[in-house]
Amino acid sequence: MIPPQKCAEELSVSEFTIHRWIREKKIRAVKLSSRCTRIIGDSLAEYLETAARA
């Protein structure tokens, strides 16, 4: 499980973009508390593969 901040850094996008992808259900995430969200790694990999093919 990956924190949104780390994901944004690795992909060179803003943290806002990561949270937008979560809201749009492009990637799956788990909300551990009101201030703690973690991205499911497999979900991110699937999204990136799909985006690369488009």
Protein backbone atom coordinates (compact mmCIF):
# COMPACT_ATOMS: atom_id res chain seq x y z
CA MET A 1 0.00 0.00 0.00
CA ILE A 2 1.41 3.32 -1.12
CA PRO A 3 0.85 6.79 0.36
CA PRO A 4 -0.55 9.31 -2.16
CA GLN A 5 2.44 11.63 -1.60
CA LYS A 6 4.93 8.93 -2.60
CA CYS A 7 2.83 7.94 -5.59
CA ALA A 8 2.68 11.56 -6.79
CA GLU A 9 6.45 11.96 -6.46
CA GLU A 10 7.19 8.75 -8.39
CA LEU A 11 4.78 9.64 -11.20
CA SER A 12 5.74 13.33 -11.34
CA VAL A 13 2.15 14.47 -10.86
CA SER A 14 0.57 16.50 -8.09
CA GLU A 15 -0.94 14.93 -5.01
CA PHE A 16 -4.21 16.58 -6.08
CA THR A 17 -4.11 14.50 -9.29
CA ILE A 18 -3.70 11.30 -7.28
CA HIS A 19 -6.68 12.17 -5.09
CA ARG A 20 -8.71 13.02 -8.21
CA TRP A 21 -7.90 9.60 -9.70
CA ILE A 22 -9.09 8.03 -6.44
CA ARG A 23 -12.35 10.03 -6.51
CA GLU A 24 -12.91 9.13 -10.18
CA LYS A 25 -12.33 5.44 -9.27
CA LYS A 26 -9.40 5.18 -11.68
CA ILE A 27 -7.29 3.76 -8.85
CA ARG A 28 -8.43 2.04 -5.68
CA ALA A 29 -7.44 3.24 -2.26
CA VAL A 30 -8.14 2.43 1.35
CA LYS A 31 -8.96 5.18 3.81
CA LEU A 32 -7.34 4.18 7.11
CA SER A 33 -8.53 7.28 8.96
CA SER A 34 -9.80 10.74 8.17
CA ARG A 35 -6.25 11.87 7.31
CA CYS A 36 -4.63 8.64 6.12
CA THR A 37 -5.20 7.12 2.67
CA ARG A 38 -3.20 4.33 1.04
CA ILE A 39 -3.28 3.33 -2.61
CA ILE A 40 -3.51 -0.33 -3.51
CA GLY A 41 -0.39 -1.07 -5.58
CA ASP A 42 -2.05 -3.51 -8.00
CA SER A 43 -4.73 -0.96 -8.76
CA LEU A 44 -2.13 1.66 -9.62
CA ALA A 45 -0.23 -0.77 -11.86
CA GLU A 46 -3.43 -1.67 -13.73
CA TYR A 47 -4.27 2.00 -14.26
CA LEU A 48 -0.79 2.80 -15.55
CA GLU A 49 -0.88 -0.15 -17.98
CA THR A 50 -4.28 0.96 -19.28
CA ALA A 51 -3.14 4.59 -19.62
CA ALA A 52 0.01 3.53 -21.48
CA ARG A 53 -2.04 1.63 -24.05
CA ALA A 54 -4.40 4.56 -24.68
